[in-house]
PDB file of all heavy atoms in Angstrom:
ATOM      1  N   PHE A   1      -4.560   0.789   7.488  1.00  0.00           N
ATOM      2  CA  PHE A   1      -4.229   0.934   6.071  1.00  0.00           C
ATOM      3  C   PHE A   1      -4.102   2.420   5.757  1.00  0.00           C
ATOM      4  O   PHE A   1      -5.089   3.137   5.674  1.00  0.00           O
ATOM      5  CB  PHE A   1      -5.307   0.271   5.208  1.00  0.00           C
ATOM      6  CG  PHE A   1      -5.356  -1.221   5.385  1.00  0.00           C
ATOM      7  CD1 PHE A   1      -6.227  -1.803   6.290  1.00  0.00           C
ATOM      8  CD2 PHE A   1      -4.505  -2.045   4.663  1.00  0.00           C
ATOM      9  CE1 PHE A   1      -6.271  -3.169   6.467  1.00  0.00           C
ATOM     10  CE2 PHE A   1      -4.533  -3.422   4.838  1.00  0.00           C
ATOM     11  CZ  PHE A   1      -5.419  -3.985   5.740  1.00  0.00           C
ATOM     12  N   ARG A   2      -2.856   2.856   5.621  1.00  0.00           N
ATOM     13  CA  ARG A   2      -2.554   4.264   5.396  1.00  0.00           C
ATOM     14  C   ARG A   2      -1.820   4.418   4.062  1.00  0.00           C
ATOM     15  O   ARG A   2      -0.768   3.827   3.846  1.00  0.00           O
ATOM     16  CB  ARG A   2      -1.696   4.792   6.548  1.00  0.00           C
ATOM     17  CG  ARG A   2      -1.333   6.249   6.450  1.00  0.00           C
ATOM     18  CD  ARG A   2      -0.526   6.729   7.656  1.00  0.00           C
ATOM     19  NE  ARG A   2       0.635   5.880   7.917  1.00  0.00           N
ATOM     20  CZ  ARG A   2       0.871   5.261   9.071  1.00  0.00           C
ATOM     21  NH1 ARG A   2       0.033   5.361  10.072  1.00  0.00           N
ATOM     22  NH2 ARG A   2       1.949   4.525   9.229  1.00  0.00           N
ATOM     23  N   PHE A   3      -2.412   5.200   3.180  1.00  0.00           N
ATOM     24  CA  PHE A   3      -1.803   5.466   1.879  1.00  0.00           C
ATOM     25  C   PHE A   3      -0.844   6.645   1.964  1.00  0.00           C
ATOM     26  O   PHE A   3      -0.930   7.472   2.876  1.00  0.00           O
ATOM     27  CB  PHE A   3      -2.883   5.824   0.846  1.00  0.00           C
ATOM     28  CG  PHE A   3      -3.610   4.648   0.279  1.00  0.00           C
ATOM     29  CD1 PHE A   3      -4.764   4.181   0.883  1.00  0.00           C
ATOM     30  CD2 PHE A   3      -3.162   4.020  -0.876  1.00  0.00           C
ATOM     31  CE1 PHE A   3      -5.464   3.105   0.362  1.00  0.00           C
ATOM     32  CE2 PHE A   3      -3.842   2.944  -1.409  1.00  0.00           C
ATOM     33  CZ  PHE A   3      -4.992   2.485  -0.787  1.00  0.00           C
ATOM     34  N   ARG A   4       0.015   6.749   0.950  1.00  0.00           N
ATOM     35  CA  ARG A   4       0.834   7.947   0.767  1.00  0.00           C
ATOM     36  C   ARG A   4      -0.086   9.070   0.293  1.00  0.00           C
ATOM     37  O   ARG A   4      -1.265   8.864   0.041  1.00  0.00           O
ATOM     38  CB  ARG A   4       1.932   7.693  -0.276  1.00  0.00           C
ATOM     39  CG  ARG A   4       2.851   6.546   0.034  1.00  0.00           C
ATOM     40  CD  ARG A   4       3.809   6.916   1.129  1.00  0.00           C
ATOM     41  NE  ARG A   4       4.695   5.793   1.390  1.00  0.00           N
ATOM     42  CZ  ARG A   4       5.905   5.922   1.843  1.00  0.00           C
ATOM     43  NH1 ARG A   4       6.392   7.100   2.114  1.00  0.00           N
ATOM     44  NH2 ARG A   4       6.638   4.865   2.066  1.00  0.00           N
ATOM     45  N   GLU A   5       0.439  10.247   0.133  1.00  0.00           N
ATOM     46  CA  GLU A   5      -0.360  11.409  -0.269  1.00  0.00           C
ATOM     47  C   GLU A   5      -1.039  11.191  -1.623  1.00  0.00           C
ATOM     48  O   GLU A   5      -0.409  10.695  -2.556  1.00  0.00           O
ATOM     49  CB  GLU A   5       0.519  12.655  -0.358  1.00  0.00           C
ATOM     50  CG  GLU A   5       0.845  13.249   0.995  1.00  0.00           C
ATOM     51  CD  GLU A   5      -0.382  13.700   1.763  1.00  0.00           C
ATOM     52  OE1 GLU A   5      -1.235  14.406   1.185  1.00  0.00           O
ATOM     53  OE2 GLU A   5      -0.490  13.333   2.939  1.00  0.00           O
ATOM     54  N   PRO A   6      -2.320  11.580  -1.734  1.00  0.00           N
ATOM     55  CA  PRO A   6      -3.016  11.495  -3.030  1.00  0.00           C
ATOM     56  C   PRO A   6      -2.310  12.366  -4.078  1.00  0.00           C
ATOM     57  O   PRO A   6      -1.669  13.354  -3.737  1.00  0.00           O
ATOM     58  CB  PRO A   6      -4.410  12.051  -2.725  1.00  0.00           C
ATOM     59  CG  PRO A   6      -4.553  11.963  -1.245  1.00  0.00           C
ATOM     60  CD  PRO A   6      -3.174  12.070  -0.672  1.00  0.00           C
ATOM     61  N   TYR A   7      -2.436  11.981  -5.318  1.00  0.00           N
ATOM     62  CA  TYR A   7      -1.867  12.693  -6.471  1.00  0.00           C
ATOM     63  C   TYR A   7      -0.343  12.831  -6.397  1.00  0.00           C
ATOM     64  O   TYR A   7       0.227  13.730  -6.988  1.00  0.00           O
ATOM     65  CB  TYR A   7      -2.502  14.084  -6.632  1.00  0.00           C
ATOM     66  CG  TYR A   7      -3.989  14.046  -6.796  1.00  0.00           C
ATOM     67  CD1 TYR A   7      -4.822  14.522  -5.790  1.00  0.00           C
ATOM     68  CD2 TYR A   7      -4.568  13.518  -7.941  1.00  0.00           C
ATOM     69  CE1 TYR A   7      -6.207  14.479  -5.925  1.00  0.00           C
ATOM     70  CE2 TYR A   7      -5.946  13.473  -8.091  1.00  0.00           C
ATOM     71  CZ  TYR A   7      -6.754  13.952  -7.079  1.00  0.00           C
ATOM     72  OH  TYR A   7      -8.110  13.913  -7.220  1.00  0.00           O
ATOM     73  N   SER A   8       0.307  11.963  -5.663  1.00  0.00           N
ATOM     74  CA  SER A   8       1.770  11.989  -5.584  1.00  0.00           C
ATOM     75  C   SER A   8       2.333  10.806  -6.363  1.00  0.00           C
ATOM     76  O   SER A   8       1.599   9.943  -6.826  1.00  0.00           O
ATOM     77  CB  SER A   8       2.225  11.910  -4.120  1.00  0.00           C
ATOM     78  OG  SER A   8       1.959  10.631  -3.582  1.00  0.00           O
ATOM     79  N   GLY A   9       3.628  10.769  -6.488  1.00  0.00           N
ATOM     80  CA  GLY A   9       4.281   9.674  -7.196  1.00  0.00           C
ATOM     81  C   GLY A   9       4.040   8.318  -6.563  1.00  0.00           C
ATOM     82  O   GLY A   9       4.182   7.287  -7.216  1.00  0.00           O
ATOM     83  N   LEU A  10       3.672   8.301  -5.289  1.00  0.00           N
ATOM     84  CA  LEU A  10       3.409   7.049  -4.582  1.00  0.00           C
ATOM     85  C   LEU A  10       1.984   7.005  -4.030  1.00  0.00           C
ATOM     86  O   LEU A  10       1.720   6.357  -3.009  1.00  0.00           O
ATOM     87  CB  LEU A  10       4.409   6.863  -3.434  1.00  0.00           C
ATOM     88  CG  LEU A  10       5.861   6.636  -3.841  1.00  0.00           C
ATOM     89  CD1 LEU A  10       6.765   6.647  -2.623  1.00  0.00           C
ATOM     90  CD2 LEU A  10       6.011   5.335  -4.608  1.00  0.00           C
ATOM     91  N   ALA A  11       1.055   7.655  -4.696  1.00  0.00           N
ATOM     92  CA  ALA A  11      -0.331   7.730  -4.221  1.00  0.00           C
ATOM     93  C   ALA A  11      -0.974   6.353  -4.070  1.00  0.00           C
ATOM     94  O   ALA A  11      -1.894   6.184  -3.274  1.00  0.00           O
ATOM     95  CB  ALA A  11      -1.166   8.581  -5.173  1.00  0.00           C
ATOM     96  N   TYR A  12      -0.490   5.377  -4.791  1.00  0.00           N
ATOM     97  CA  TYR A  12      -1.036   4.020  -4.760  1.00  0.00           C
ATOM     98  C   TYR A  12      -0.489   3.188  -3.611  1.00  0.00           C
ATOM     99  O   TYR A  12      -1.010   2.116  -3.296  1.00  0.00           O
ATOM    100  CB  TYR A  12      -0.703   3.290  -6.063  1.00  0.00           C
ATOM    101  CG  TYR A  12       0.793   3.142  -6.263  1.00  0.00           C
ATOM    102  CD1 TYR A  12       1.469   2.024  -5.802  1.00  0.00           C
ATOM    103  CD2 TYR A  12       1.533   4.150  -6.884  1.00  0.00           C
ATOM    104  CE1 TYR A  12       2.837   1.902  -5.946  1.00  0.00           C
ATOM    105  CE2 TYR A  12       2.895   4.036  -7.041  1.00  0.00           C
ATOM    106  CZ  TYR A  12       3.543   2.918  -6.571  1.00  0.00           C
ATOM    107  OH  TYR A  12       4.896   2.805  -6.706  1.00  0.00           O
ATOM    108  N   ALA A  13       0.557   3.662  -2.940  1.00  0.00           N
ATOM    109  CA  ALA A  13       1.312   2.838  -1.998  1.00  0.00           C
ATOM    110  C   ALA A  13       0.804   2.952  -0.563  1.00  0.00           C
ATOM    111  O   ALA A  13       0.539   4.043  -0.065  1.00  0.00           O
ATOM    112  CB  ALA A  13       2.787   3.228  -2.045  1.00  0.00           C
ATOM    113  N   LEU A  14       0.707   1.803   0.083  1.00  0.00           N
ATOM    114  CA  LEU A  14       0.411   1.764   1.508  1.00  0.00           C
ATOM    115  C   LEU A  14       1.698   1.972   2.291  1.00  0.00           C
ATOM    116  O   LEU A  14       2.765   1.497   1.881  1.00  0.00           O
ATOM    117  CB  LEU A  14      -0.180   0.401   1.902  1.00  0.00           C
ATOM    118  CG  LEU A  14      -1.561   0.064   1.369  1.00  0.00           C
ATOM    119  CD1 LEU A  14      -1.899  -1.386   1.690  1.00  0.00           C
ATOM    120  CD2 LEU A  14      -2.608   1.005   1.940  1.00  0.00           C
ATOM    121  N   GLU A  15       1.601   2.666   3.398  1.00  0.00           N
ATOM    122  CA  GLU A  15       2.756   2.815   4.278  1.00  0.00           C
ATOM    123  C   GLU A  15       2.796   1.609   5.194  1.00  0.00           C
ATOM    124  O   GLU A  15       1.789   1.246   5.801  1.00  0.00           O
ATOM    125  CB  GLU A  15       2.638   4.092   5.101  1.00  0.00           C
ATOM    126  CG  GLU A  15       2.756   5.344   4.267  1.00  0.00           C
ATOM    127  CD  GLU A  15       2.720   6.614   5.102  1.00  0.00           C
ATOM    128  OE1 GLU A  15       2.983   6.535   6.326  1.00  0.00           O
ATOM    129  OE2 GLU A  15       2.410   7.663   4.539  1.00  0.00           O
ATOM    130  N   ALA A  16       3.947   0.984   5.283  1.00  0.00           N
ATOM    131  CA  ALA A  16       4.094  -0.221   6.112  1.00  0.00           C
ATOM    132  C   ALA A  16       5.084   0.063   7.230  1.00  0.00           C
ATOM    133  O   ALA A  16       6.245   0.369   6.983  1.00  0.00           O
ATOM    134  CB  ALA A  16       4.575  -1.390   5.263  1.00  0.00           C
ATOM    135  N   GLY A  17       4.600  -0.032   8.453  1.00  0.00           N
ATOM    136  CA  GLY A  17       5.461   0.169   9.612  1.00  0.00           C
ATOM    137  C   GLY A  17       6.242  -1.083   9.933  1.00  0.00           C
ATOM    138  O   GLY A  17       6.341  -2.014   9.128  1.00  0.00           O
ATOM    139  N   LYS A  18       6.772  -1.112  11.134  1.00  0.00           N
ATOM    140  CA  LYS A  18       7.551  -2.264  11.574  1.00  0.00           C
ATOM    141  C   LYS A  18       6.630  -3.365  12.063  1.00  0.00           C
ATOM    142  O   LYS A  18       5.474  -3.142  12.367  1.00  0.00           O
ATOM    143  CB  LYS A  18       8.487  -1.845  12.703  1.00  0.00           C
ATOM    144  CG  LYS A  18       9.533  -0.851  12.287  1.00  0.00           C
ATOM    145  CD  LYS A  18      10.411  -0.484  13.453  1.00  0.00           C
ATOM    146  CE  LYS A  18      11.462   0.531  13.002  1.00  0.00           C
ATOM    147  NZ  LYS A  18      12.340   0.903  14.106  1.00  0.00           N
ATOM    148  N   GLY A  19       7.180  -4.563  12.146  1.00  0.00           N
ATOM    149  CA  GLY A  19       6.451  -5.682  12.740  1.00  0.00           C
ATOM    150  C   GLY A  19       5.780  -6.576  11.723  1.00  0.00           C
ATOM    151  O   GLY A  19       5.914  -6.417  10.514  1.00  0.00           O
ATOM    152  N   GLY A  20       5.011  -7.505  12.257  1.00  0.00           N
ATOM    153  CA  GLY A  20       4.376  -8.544  11.458  1.00  0.00           C
ATOM    154  C   GLY A  20       3.248  -8.077  10.570  1.00  0.00           C
ATOM    155  O   GLY A  20       2.753  -8.842   9.743  1.00  0.00           O
ATOM    156  N   THR A  21       2.816  -6.840  10.733  1.00  0.00           N
ATOM    157  CA  THR A  21       1.707  -6.345   9.909  1.00  0.00           C
ATOM    158  C   THR A  21       2.116  -6.132   8.457  1.00  0.00           C
ATOM    159  O   THR A  21       1.256  -6.071   7.583  1.00  0.00           O
ATOM    160  CB  THR A  21       1.148  -5.029  10.471  1.00  0.00           C
ATOM    161  OG1 THR A  21       2.175  -4.040  10.472  1.00  0.00           O
ATOM    162  CG2 THR A  21       0.621  -5.229  11.876  1.00  0.00           C
ATOM    163  N   ARG A  22       3.390  -6.016   8.200  1.00  0.00           N
ATOM    164  CA  ARG A  22       3.869  -5.772   6.828  1.00  0.00           C
ATOM    165  C   ARG A  22       3.381  -6.823   5.842  1.00  0.00           C
ATOM    166  O   ARG A  22       3.046  -6.509   4.717  1.00  0.00           O
ATOM    167  CB  ARG A  22       5.391  -5.756   6.787  1.00  0.00           C
ATOM    168  CG  ARG A  22       6.000  -4.521   7.314  1.00  0.00           C
ATOM    169  CD  ARG A  22       7.494  -4.573   7.107  1.00  0.00           C
ATOM    170  NE  ARG A  22       8.131  -3.511   7.856  1.00  0.00           N
ATOM    171  CZ  ARG A  22       9.418  -3.325   7.896  1.00  0.00           C
ATOM    172  NH1 ARG A  22      10.227  -4.147   7.244  1.00  0.00           N
ATOM    173  NH2 ARG A  22       9.925  -2.335   8.588  1.00  0.00           N
ATOM    174  N   THR A  23       3.362  -8.077   6.253  1.00  0.00           N
ATOM    175  CA  THR A  23       2.964  -9.144   5.333  1.00  0.00           C
ATOM    176  C   THR A  23       1.510  -8.980   4.899  1.00  0.00           C
ATOM    177  O   THR A  23       1.190  -9.170   3.723  1.00  0.00           O
ATOM    178  CB  THR A  23       3.161 -10.534   5.972  1.00  0.00           C
ATOM    179  OG1 THR A  23       2.480 -10.582   7.219  1.00  0.00           O
ATOM    180  CG2 THR A  23       4.633 -10.823   6.201  1.00  0.00           C
ATOM    181  N   ILE A  24       0.654  -8.600   5.817  1.00  0.00           N
ATOM    182  CA  ILE A  24      -0.748  -8.370   5.463  1.00  0.00           C
ATOM    183  C   ILE A  24      -0.865  -7.156   4.561  1.00  0.00           C
ATOM    184  O   ILE A  24      -1.562  -7.183   3.541  1.00  0.00           O
ATOM    185  CB  ILE A  24      -1.609  -8.214   6.735  1.00  0.00           C
ATOM    186  CG1 ILE A  24      -1.671  -9.545   7.476  1.00  0.00           C
ATOM    187  CG2 ILE A  24      -3.004  -7.702   6.388  1.00  0.00           C
ATOM    188  CD1 ILE A  24      -2.374  -9.501   8.802  1.00  0.00           C
ATOM    189  N   LEU A  25      -0.169  -6.088   4.912  1.00  0.00           N
ATOM    190  CA  LEU A  25      -0.213  -4.868   4.100  1.00  0.00           C
ATOM    191  C   LEU A  25       0.280  -5.120   2.672  1.00  0.00           C
ATOM    192  O   LEU A  25      -0.307  -4.617   1.710  1.00  0.00           O
ATOM    193  CB  LEU A  25       0.607  -3.763   4.755  1.00  0.00           C
ATOM    194  CG  LEU A  25       0.034  -3.206   6.063  1.00  0.00           C
ATOM    195  CD1 LEU A  25       1.064  -2.331   6.765  1.00  0.00           C
ATOM    196  CD2 LEU A  25      -1.242  -2.438   5.813  1.00  0.00           C
ATOM    197  N   MET A  26       1.327  -5.901   2.529  1.00  0.00           N
ATOM    198  CA  MET A  26       1.879  -6.150   1.192  1.00  0.00           C
ATOM    199  C   MET A  26       0.961  -7.039   0.355  1.00  0.00           C
ATOM    200  O   MET A  26       0.859  -6.869  -0.861  1.00  0.00           O
ATOM    201  CB  MET A  26       3.282  -6.754   1.288  1.00  0.00           C
ATOM    202  CG  MET A  26       4.320  -5.778   1.844  1.00  0.00           C
ATOM    203  SD  MET A  26       4.434  -4.204   0.937  1.00  0.00           S
ATOM    204  CE  MET A  26       3.499  -3.098   1.985  1.00  0.00           C
ATOM    205  N   ALA A  27       0.280  -7.983   0.990  1.00  0.00           N
ATOM    206  CA  ALA A  27      -0.691  -8.806   0.254  1.00  0.00           C
ATOM    207  C   ALA A  27      -1.835  -7.942  -0.262  1.00  0.00           C
ATOM    208  O   ALA A  27      -2.258  -8.069  -1.417  1.00  0.00           O
ATOM    209  CB  ALA A  27      -1.223  -9.922   1.152  1.00  0.00           C
ATOM    210  N   VAL A  28      -2.325  -7.036   0.572  1.00  0.00           N
ATOM    211  CA  VAL A  28      -3.384  -6.117   0.149  1.00  0.00           C
ATOM    212  C   VAL A  28      -2.850  -5.160  -0.914  1.00  0.00           C
ATOM    213  O   VAL A  28      -3.543  -4.840  -1.878  1.00  0.00           O
ATOM    214  CB  VAL A  28      -3.961  -5.364   1.370  1.00  0.00           C
ATOM    215  CG1 VAL A  28      -4.927  -4.270   0.940  1.00  0.00           C
ATOM    216  CG2 VAL A  28      -4.647  -6.341   2.322  1.00  0.00           C
ATOM    217  N   GLN A  29      -1.604  -4.717  -0.756  1.00  0.00           N
ATOM    218  CA  GLN A  29      -0.990  -3.808  -1.727  1.00  0.00           C
ATOM    219  C   GLN A  29      -0.990  -4.412  -3.132  1.00  0.00           C
ATOM    220  O   GLN A  29      -1.256  -3.724  -4.111  1.00  0.00           O
ATOM    221  CB  GLN A  29       0.455  -3.489  -1.315  1.00  0.00           C
ATOM    222  CG  GLN A  29       1.185  -2.560  -2.263  1.00  0.00           C
ATOM    223  CD  GLN A  29       0.662  -1.153  -2.212  1.00  0.00           C
ATOM    224  OE1 GLN A  29       0.923  -0.428  -1.273  1.00  0.00           O
ATOM    225  NE2 GLN A  29      -0.073  -0.743  -3.229  1.00  0.00           N
ATOM    226  N   ALA A  30      -0.713  -5.693  -3.235  1.00  0.00           N
ATOM    227  CA  ALA A  30      -0.721  -6.362  -4.545  1.00  0.00           C
ATOM    228  C   ALA A  30      -2.093  -6.266  -5.201  1.00  0.00           C
ATOM    229  O   ALA A  30      -2.203  -5.989  -6.405  1.00  0.00           O
ATOM    230  CB  ALA A  30      -0.299  -7.814  -4.394  1.00  0.00           C
ATOM    231  N   HIS A  31      -3.145  -6.453  -4.430  1.00  0.00           N
ATOM    232  CA  HIS A  31      -4.508  -6.353  -4.969  1.00  0.00           C
ATOM    233  C   HIS A  31      -4.847  -4.912  -5.347  1.00  0.00           C
ATOM    234  O   HIS A  31      -5.562  -4.678  -6.327  1.00  0.00           O
ATOM    235  CB  HIS A  31      -5.534  -6.881  -3.955  1.00  0.00           C
ATOM    236  CG  HIS A  31      -5.546  -8.368  -3.857  1.00  0.00           C
ATOM    237  ND1 HIS A  31      -6.202  -9.169  -4.762  1.00  0.00           N
ATOM    238  CD2 HIS A  31      -4.974  -9.197  -2.961  1.00  0.00           C
ATOM    239  CE1 HIS A  31      -6.043 -10.437  -4.418  1.00  0.00           C
ATOM    240  NE2 HIS A  31      -5.296 -10.477  -3.336  1.00  0.00           N
ATOM    241  N   ILE A  32      -4.340  -3.961  -4.588  1.00  0.00           N
ATOM    242  CA  ILE A  32      -4.571  -2.545  -4.903  1.00  0.00           C
ATOM    243  C   ILE A  32      -3.942  -2.201  -6.245  1.00  0.00           C
ATOM    244  O   ILE A  32      -4.580  -1.584  -7.110  1.00  0.00           O
ATOM    245  CB  ILE A  32      -4.013  -1.637  -3.788  1.00  0.00           C
ATOM    246  CG1 ILE A  32      -4.880  -1.761  -2.539  1.00  0.00           C
ATOM    247  CG2 ILE A  32      -3.914  -0.188  -4.250  1.00  0.00           C
ATOM    248  CD1 ILE A  32      -4.291  -1.105  -1.304  1.00  0.00           C
ATOM    249  N   ILE A  33      -2.707  -2.600  -6.451  1.00  0.00           N
ATOM    250  CA  ILE A  33      -2.013  -2.304  -7.711  1.00  0.00           C
ATOM    251  C   ILE A  33      -2.711  -2.998  -8.875  1.00  0.00           C
ATOM    252  O   ILE A  33      -2.900  -2.403  -9.940  1.00  0.00           O
ATOM    253  CB  ILE A  33      -0.521  -2.709  -7.616  1.00  0.00           C
ATOM    254  CG1 ILE A  33       0.194  -1.760  -6.648  1.00  0.00           C
ATOM    255  CG2 ILE A  33       0.139  -2.673  -8.994  1.00  0.00           C
ATOM    256  CD1 ILE A  33       1.616  -2.152  -6.328  1.00  0.00           C
ATOM    257  N   ARG A  34      -3.122  -4.232  -8.681  1.00  0.00           N
ATOM    258  CA  ARG A  34      -3.849  -4.959  -9.734  1.00  0.00           C
ATOM    259  C   ARG A  34      -5.115  -4.208 -10.127  1.00  0.00           C
ATOM    260  O   ARG A  34      -5.399  -4.014 -11.309  1.00  0.00           O
ATOM    261  CB  ARG A  34      -4.194  -6.367  -9.252  1.00  0.00           C
ATOM    262  CG  ARG A  34      -4.979  -7.180 -10.249  1.00  0.00           C
ATOM    263  CD  ARG A  34      -5.254  -8.585  -9.682  1.00  0.00           C
ATOM    264  NE  ARG A  34      -6.184  -9.267 -10.519  1.00  0.00           N
ATOM    265  CZ  ARG A  34      -7.503  -9.339 -10.277  1.00  0.00           C
ATOM    266  NH1 ARG A  34      -8.010  -8.774  -9.208  1.00  0.00           N
ATOM    267  NH2 ARG A  34      -8.299  -9.973 -11.106  1.00  0.00           N
ATOM    268  N   TYR A  35      -5.861  -3.768  -9.129  1.00  0.00           N
ATOM    269  CA  TYR A  35      -7.090  -3.028  -9.411  1.00  0.00           C
ATOM    270  C   TYR A  35      -6.788  -1.720 -10.151  1.00  0.00           C
ATOM    271  O   TYR A  35      -7.422  -1.415 -11.166  1.00  0.00           O
ATOM    272  CB  TYR A  35      -7.838  -2.736  -8.105  1.00  0.00           C
ATOM    273  CG  TYR A  35      -8.956  -1.746  -8.282  1.00  0.00           C
ATOM    274  CD1 TYR A  35     -10.144  -2.125  -8.902  1.00  0.00           C
ATOM    275  CD2 TYR A  35      -8.833  -0.430  -7.853  1.00  0.00           C
ATOM    276  CE1 TYR A  35     -11.178  -1.210  -9.090  1.00  0.00           C
ATOM    277  CE2 TYR A  35      -9.854   0.483  -8.029  1.00  0.00           C
ATOM    278  CZ  TYR A  35     -11.023   0.087  -8.652  1.00  0.00           C
ATOM    279  OH  TYR A  35     -12.030   0.991  -8.847  1.00  0.00           O
ATOM    280  N   LEU A  36      -5.833  -0.960  -9.655  1.00  0.00           N
ATOM    281  CA  LEU A  36      -5.543   0.342 -10.253  1.00  0.00           C
ATOM    282  C   LEU A  36      -4.997   0.224 -11.674  1.00  0.00           C
ATOM    283  O   LEU A  36      -5.309   1.051 -12.531  1.00  0.00           O
ATOM    284  CB  LEU A  36      -4.557   1.123  -9.380  1.00  0.00           C
ATOM    285  CG  LEU A  36      -5.100   1.583  -8.023  1.00  0.00           C
ATOM    286  CD1 LEU A  36      -3.981   2.192  -7.191  1.00  0.00           C
ATOM    287  CD2 LEU A  36      -6.247   2.566  -8.193  1.00  0.00           C
ATOM    288  N   LEU A  37      -4.202  -0.803 -11.926  1.00  0.00           N
ATOM    289  CA  LEU A  37      -3.605  -0.955 -13.260  1.00  0.00           C
ATOM    290  C   LEU A  37      -4.527  -1.626 -14.279  1.00  0.00           C
ATOM    291  O   LEU A  37      -4.537  -1.234 -15.442  1.00  0.00           O
ATOM    292  CB  LEU A  37      -2.311  -1.763 -13.171  1.00  0.00           C
ATOM    293  CG  LEU A  37      -1.080  -1.038 -12.687  1.00  0.00           C
ATOM    294  CD1 LEU A  37       0.093  -2.005 -12.606  1.00  0.00           C
ATOM    295  CD2 LEU A  37      -0.734   0.147 -13.574  1.00  0.00           C
TER     296      LEU A  37
END
């Protein structure tokens, strides 16, 4: 789980590489955005 740079326009976003891991990362990303907002 790797975030973009802190205090940047995408500080909340996880970086998603190639492969099947994207689906897990995006599910977690939804919970991250919910928490932050």
